[in-house]
């Protein structure tokens, strides 16, 4: 978690926000018949989490 970027935010709120985003992405992936390979999805989610947190 990027402490400077998240200054003033409750850690639990940040974690719940990120978890909700991941669940939403996974829901999209399944509902659209897995348009990307699992490894690519994992990489994409990892890059997004690194970028935002």
Protein backbone atom coordinates (compact mmCIF):
# COMPACT_ATOMS: atom_id res chain seq x y z
CA UNK A 1 0.00 0.00 0.00
CA UNK A 2 1.37 3.40 -0.98
CA UNK A 3 1.38 5.24 2.35
CA UNK A 4 1.93 8.71 0.93
CA UNK A 5 -0.74 8.37 -1.76
CA UNK A 6 -3.23 6.97 0.75
CA UNK A 7 -2.53 9.42 3.56
CA UNK A 8 -5.75 10.26 5.34
CA UNK A 9 -7.54 7.15 4.08
CA UNK A 10 -8.51 4.32 6.38
CA UNK A 11 -6.51 1.21 5.49
CA UNK A 12 -9.63 -1.00 5.68
CA UNK A 13 -11.44 1.27 3.22
CA UNK A 14 -8.52 1.07 0.76
CA UNK A 15 -8.36 -2.72 1.05
CA UNK A 16 -12.14 -3.10 0.57
CA UNK A 17 -12.02 -0.76 -2.43
CA UNK A 18 -9.28 -2.81 -4.09
CA UNK A 19 -11.03 -6.10 -3.30
CA UNK A 20 -14.29 -4.84 -4.81
CA UNK A 21 -12.45 -3.80 -7.95
CA UNK A 22 -10.85 -7.24 -8.31
CA UNK A 23 -14.19 -8.99 -7.78
CA UNK A 24 -15.77 -6.75 -10.42
CA UNK A 25 -13.03 -7.51 -12.92
CA UNK A 26 -13.30 -11.25 -12.28
CA UNK A 27 -17.09 -11.10 -12.66
CA UNK A 28 -16.66 -9.37 -16.03
CA UNK A 29 -14.10 -11.97 -17.07
CA UNK A 30 -16.39 -14.92 -16.28
CA UNK A 31 -19.54 -13.31 -17.67
CA UNK A 32 -17.75 -12.62 -20.96
CA UNK A 33 -16.54 -16.21 -21.29
CA UNK A 34 -12.96 -15.46 -20.23
CA UNK A 35 -11.87 -13.24 -23.14
CA UNK A 36 -8.29 -13.17 -21.83
CA UNK A 37 -6.09 -16.07 -20.70
CA UNK A 38 -5.84 -16.51 -16.90
CA UNK A 39 -2.15 -15.54 -16.82
CA UNK A 40 -2.87 -12.30 -18.67
CA UNK A 41 -5.76 -11.51 -16.32
CA UNK A 42 -3.50 -12.06 -13.31
CA UNK A 43 -0.85 -9.78 -14.82
CA UNK A 44 -3.38 -7.07 -15.65
CA UNK A 45 -4.92 -7.14 -12.17
CA UNK A 46 -1.45 -7.07 -10.60
CA UNK A 47 -0.46 -4.03 -12.67
CA UNK A 48 -3.67 -2.22 -11.74
CA UNK A 49 -3.21 -2.90 -8.05
CA UNK A 50 0.40 -1.72 -8.17
CA UNK A 51 -0.65 1.44 -9.96
CA UNK A 52 -3.55 2.43 -7.74
CA UNK A 53 -2.47 1.43 -4.27
